[in-house]
Amino acid sequence: MPNYIIAYHGGKKPESPEEGAKHMAKWKAWLDGLGDAVVNPGTPLGKSKTVTAKGVSDGGGPNALTGYSVVKADSMDAALDMAKACPFLDVGTLEVAEMMEMK
């Protein structure tokens, strides 16, 4: 069964610690609901820099990567169904991609 990365883009900082705790509880409940499909719950990411052949710039572009999770699923459609239920969609967008094995 292939692994899929669910990449978190954008998002906003919670307006209060209570709002942050509420959102985190929803996210943890979503992860718990995925059960054994969770390979790596992932981690939030800090500010990024973009590296090109011309140099380095701040900010990670217009839709910066802000975190990730890794799940296993039978198909892309199954991984997308998991992502569609993620509460992060209340504050940002998700990108789903199959993780290819290097041989």
Protein backbone atom coordinates (compact mmCIF):
# COMPACT_ATOMS: atom_id res chain seq x y z
CA MET A 1 0.00 0.00 0.00
CA PRO A 2 1.59 3.31 -1.03
CA ASN A 3 2.29 6.23 1.26
CA TYR A 4 0.95 9.70 0.52
CA ILE A 5 2.17 13.01 1.84
CA ILE A 6 -0.47 15.51 2.83
CA ALA A 7 1.24 18.91 2.63
CA TYR A 8 -0.26 21.84 4.52
CA HIS A 9 -0.08 25.23 2.80
CA GLY A 10 -0.86 28.62 4.27
CA GLY A 11 -2.94 28.86 7.38
CA LYS A 12 -3.25 31.59 9.93
CA LYS A 13 -2.14 32.00 13.49
CA PRO A 14 -4.96 31.44 15.99
CA GLU A 15 -6.39 34.64 17.45
CA SER A 16 -6.24 33.23 20.99
CA PRO A 17 -4.74 30.26 22.85
CA GLU A 18 -8.27 28.87 23.21
CA GLU A 19 -8.86 29.03 19.45
CA GLY A 20 -5.51 27.31 18.90
CA ALA A 21 -6.36 24.55 21.38
CA LYS A 22 -9.76 24.03 19.75
CA HIS A 23 -8.22 23.71 16.29
CA MET A 24 -5.50 21.37 17.58
CA ALA A 25 -8.14 19.15 19.22
CA LYS A 26 -10.00 18.89 15.88
CA TRP A 27 -6.77 18.03 14.07
CA LYS A 28 -5.83 15.36 16.64
CA ALA A 29 -9.34 13.86 16.42
CA TRP A 30 -8.97 13.72 12.61
CA LEU A 31 -5.62 11.94 12.96
CA ASP A 32 -7.02 9.53 15.54
CA GLY A 33 -9.89 8.77 13.16
CA LEU A 34 -7.42 7.74 10.46
CA GLY A 35 -6.16 4.96 12.74
CA ASP A 36 -3.48 2.70 11.25
CA ALA A 37 -3.42 4.73 8.02
CA VAL A 38 -1.21 7.30 9.79
CA VAL A 39 2.42 6.57 8.96
CA ASN A 40 3.75 9.86 10.35
CA PRO A 41 1.50 12.47 11.94
CA GLY A 42 4.01 15.04 10.71
CA THR A 43 4.96 18.36 12.14
CA PRO A 44 4.31 22.06 11.63
CA LEU A 45 7.08 23.91 9.83
CA GLY A 46 8.64 27.28 10.58
CA LYS A 47 9.34 30.10 8.16
CA SER A 48 10.99 28.94 4.97
CA LYS A 49 13.28 30.29 2.31
CA THR A 50 13.10 29.62 -1.41
CA VAL A 51 16.29 28.55 -3.20
CA THR A 52 16.63 29.07 -6.96
CA ALA A 53 19.57 29.15 -9.35
CA LYS A 54 19.56 32.93 -8.87
CA GLY A 55 19.78 32.87 -5.09
CA VAL A 56 17.76 32.64 -1.89
CA SER A 57 14.63 34.58 -0.98
CA ASP A 58 12.50 34.78 2.16
CA GLY A 59 8.98 33.60 2.67
CA GLY A 60 8.55 30.33 0.82
CA GLY A 61 6.54 31.84 -2.03
CA PRO A 62 2.88 32.78 -2.27
CA ASN A 63 1.59 29.50 -0.79
CA ALA A 64 4.26 28.48 1.71
CA LEU A 65 4.51 24.92 3.03
CA THR A 66 3.55 25.02 6.71
CA GLY A 67 3.47 21.32 7.67
CA TYR A 68 2.88 17.76 6.55
CA SER A 69 1.46 14.35 7.47
CA VAL A 70 2.09 10.95 5.88
CA VAL A 71 -0.69 8.38 5.43
CA LYS A 72 -0.96 5.03 3.69
CA ALA A 73 -3.88 4.41 1.37
CA ASP A 74 -4.99 1.99 -1.34
CA SER A 75 -5.21 4.77 -3.93
CA MET A 76 -4.93 8.49 -4.54
CA ASP A 77 -8.71 8.72 -4.25
CA ALA A 78 -8.59 7.12 -0.80
CA ALA A 79 -5.82 9.52 0.29
CA LEU A 80 -7.86 12.46 -1.04
CA ASP A 81 -10.89 11.30 0.96
CA MET A 82 -8.71 11.40 4.09
CA ALA A 83 -7.47 14.89 3.23
CA LYS A 84 -10.97 16.22 2.52
CA ALA A 85 -11.89 15.54 6.16
CA CYS A 86 -8.87 17.40 7.59
CA PRO A 87 -9.82 20.42 9.72
CA PHE A 88 -6.78 22.33 8.42
CA LEU A 89 -9.01 23.16 5.45
CA ASP A 90 -10.69 25.70 7.74
CA VAL A 91 -7.51 27.82 7.63
CA GLY A 92 -5.44 26.72 4.62
CA THR A 93 -5.11 24.30 1.72
CA LEU A 94 -3.76 20.78 1.35
CA GLU A 95 -1.74 19.12 -1.38
CA VAL A 96 -1.67 15.33 -1.67
CA ALA A 97 1.04 13.39 -3.52
CA GLU A 98 2.07 9.76 -3.66
CA MET A 99 5.50 9.15 -2.19
CA MET A 100 7.46 7.20 -4.80
CA GLU A 101 10.04 4.62 -3.78
CA MET A 102 13.57 5.23 -5.02
CA LYS A 103 15.21 2.04 -6.28
